Structure formats: C-alpha cells, structure tokens
Amino acid sequence: MEQAAYQAGLIDSDILIDASRGLVQAGHFLNAMLSGPGMSISVISAMELIAGCTDSAHLSRVKQLLLQFTIVPSG
C-alpha cells in the first residue's frame, strides 16, 4: 500500500476514539501522521479523551497517548 504524505495538522477526537476502538483506518491514519510531521490536538479533544476513561488503567493509556501530541490551548 502506498504511503500518503500528510502535513502537520490538528486531529479531532473522533479519530483518536476510533483508533482506540480498533478501527483500522483510523489507526493507519494516526500511524502515518506520527511518522510524518507531527500532530496536534485541542485541549478540548484531550479532555474528551480523559473524560471518557472508565478506570485508572484506561486513564494511564490515554495519558501515554496524549504525550505524542502537541496540545493546543483553546483561544
């Protein structure tokens, strides 16, 4: 499969949620972005992910995931 060239951008929480639920296309997209110029998410998207955590183990995984992103404050 040919690798698409992605530019750095702001990733919506829907993509992150889909990837965390095992949707293959979302996972491929995130992997491509991580190997490219980088990704940013809004502080609101970060909080949506945190708010959706069901236990401390889930919260720990989300925190590790968030370390891969630049978190952009709301303006």
Protein backbone atom coordinates (compact mmCIF):
# COMPACT_ATOMS: atom_id res chain seq x y z
CA MET A 1 0.00 0.00 0.00
CA GLU A 2 1.33 3.40 -0.93
CA GLN A 3 2.02 5.75 2.00
CA ALA A 4 0.20 9.08 1.69
CA ALA A 5 2.10 12.26 2.52
CA TYR A 6 0.34 14.13 5.31
CA GLN A 7 1.02 17.63 6.54
CA ALA A 8 1.04 18.51 10.21
CA GLY A 9 -2.43 19.30 11.42
CA LEU A 10 -5.00 19.31 14.16
CA ILE A 11 -6.51 15.87 14.83
CA ASP A 12 -10.11 15.64 16.04
CA SER A 13 -11.02 13.45 18.99
CA ASP A 14 -13.22 11.31 16.70
CA ILE A 15 -10.10 9.93 15.00
CA LEU A 16 -8.47 9.20 18.36
CA ILE A 17 -11.59 7.50 19.70
CA ASP A 18 -11.98 5.42 16.53
CA ALA A 19 -8.35 4.33 16.71
CA SER A 20 -8.67 3.41 20.38
CA ARG A 21 -11.70 1.27 19.48
CA GLY A 22 -9.67 -0.64 16.94
CA LEU A 23 -10.91 0.88 13.69
CA VAL A 24 -8.13 0.00 11.28
CA GLN A 25 -8.39 3.05 9.02
CA ALA A 26 -8.14 5.46 11.96
CA GLY A 27 -5.13 3.56 13.29
CA HIS A 28 -3.40 3.68 9.91
CA PHE A 29 -4.06 7.40 9.64
CA LEU A 30 -2.62 8.09 13.09
CA ASN A 31 0.44 5.93 12.41
CA ALA A 32 1.07 7.82 9.18
CA MET A 33 0.74 11.12 10.99
CA LEU A 34 3.09 10.02 13.78
CA SER A 35 5.74 9.05 11.25
CA GLY A 36 5.34 12.38 9.48
CA PRO A 37 5.46 15.99 10.56
CA GLY A 38 3.60 15.51 13.83
CA MET A 39 0.16 16.06 15.19
CA SER A 40 -1.67 18.48 17.41
CA ILE A 41 -4.95 18.18 19.25
CA SER A 42 -7.02 20.78 21.01
CA VAL A 43 -7.19 20.87 24.78
CA ILE A 44 -10.90 20.13 24.37
CA SER A 45 -10.15 16.90 22.47
CA ALA A 46 -7.65 15.92 25.18
CA MET A 47 -10.28 16.48 27.86
CA GLU A 48 -12.86 14.48 25.89
CA LEU A 49 -10.47 11.53 25.88
CA ILE A 50 -9.76 11.91 29.60
CA ALA A 51 -13.45 12.26 30.46
CA GLY A 52 -14.20 9.02 28.62
CA CYS A 53 -11.82 6.97 30.75
CA THR A 54 -13.51 4.18 32.66
CA ASP A 55 -10.77 3.33 35.17
CA SER A 56 -7.23 4.22 36.20
CA ALA A 57 -5.67 1.80 33.68
CA HIS A 58 -7.62 3.42 30.85
CA LEU A 59 -6.58 6.87 32.11
CA SER A 60 -2.95 5.77 32.14
CA ARG A 61 -3.17 4.62 28.49
CA VAL A 62 -4.80 7.89 27.46
CA LYS A 63 -2.10 9.91 29.23
CA GLN A 64 0.59 7.95 27.35
CA LEU A 65 -1.25 8.59 24.09
CA LEU A 66 -1.53 12.31 24.79
CA LEU A 67 2.24 12.57 25.25
CA GLN A 68 2.58 12.01 21.49
CA PHE A 69 0.72 15.21 20.64
CA THR A 70 1.15 18.93 20.93
CA ILE A 71 -1.91 20.09 22.88
CA VAL A 72 -3.20 23.42 21.60
CA PRO A 73 -5.00 25.62 24.15
CA SER A 74 -8.42 26.97 23.24
CA GLY A 75 -8.45 30.57 22.26
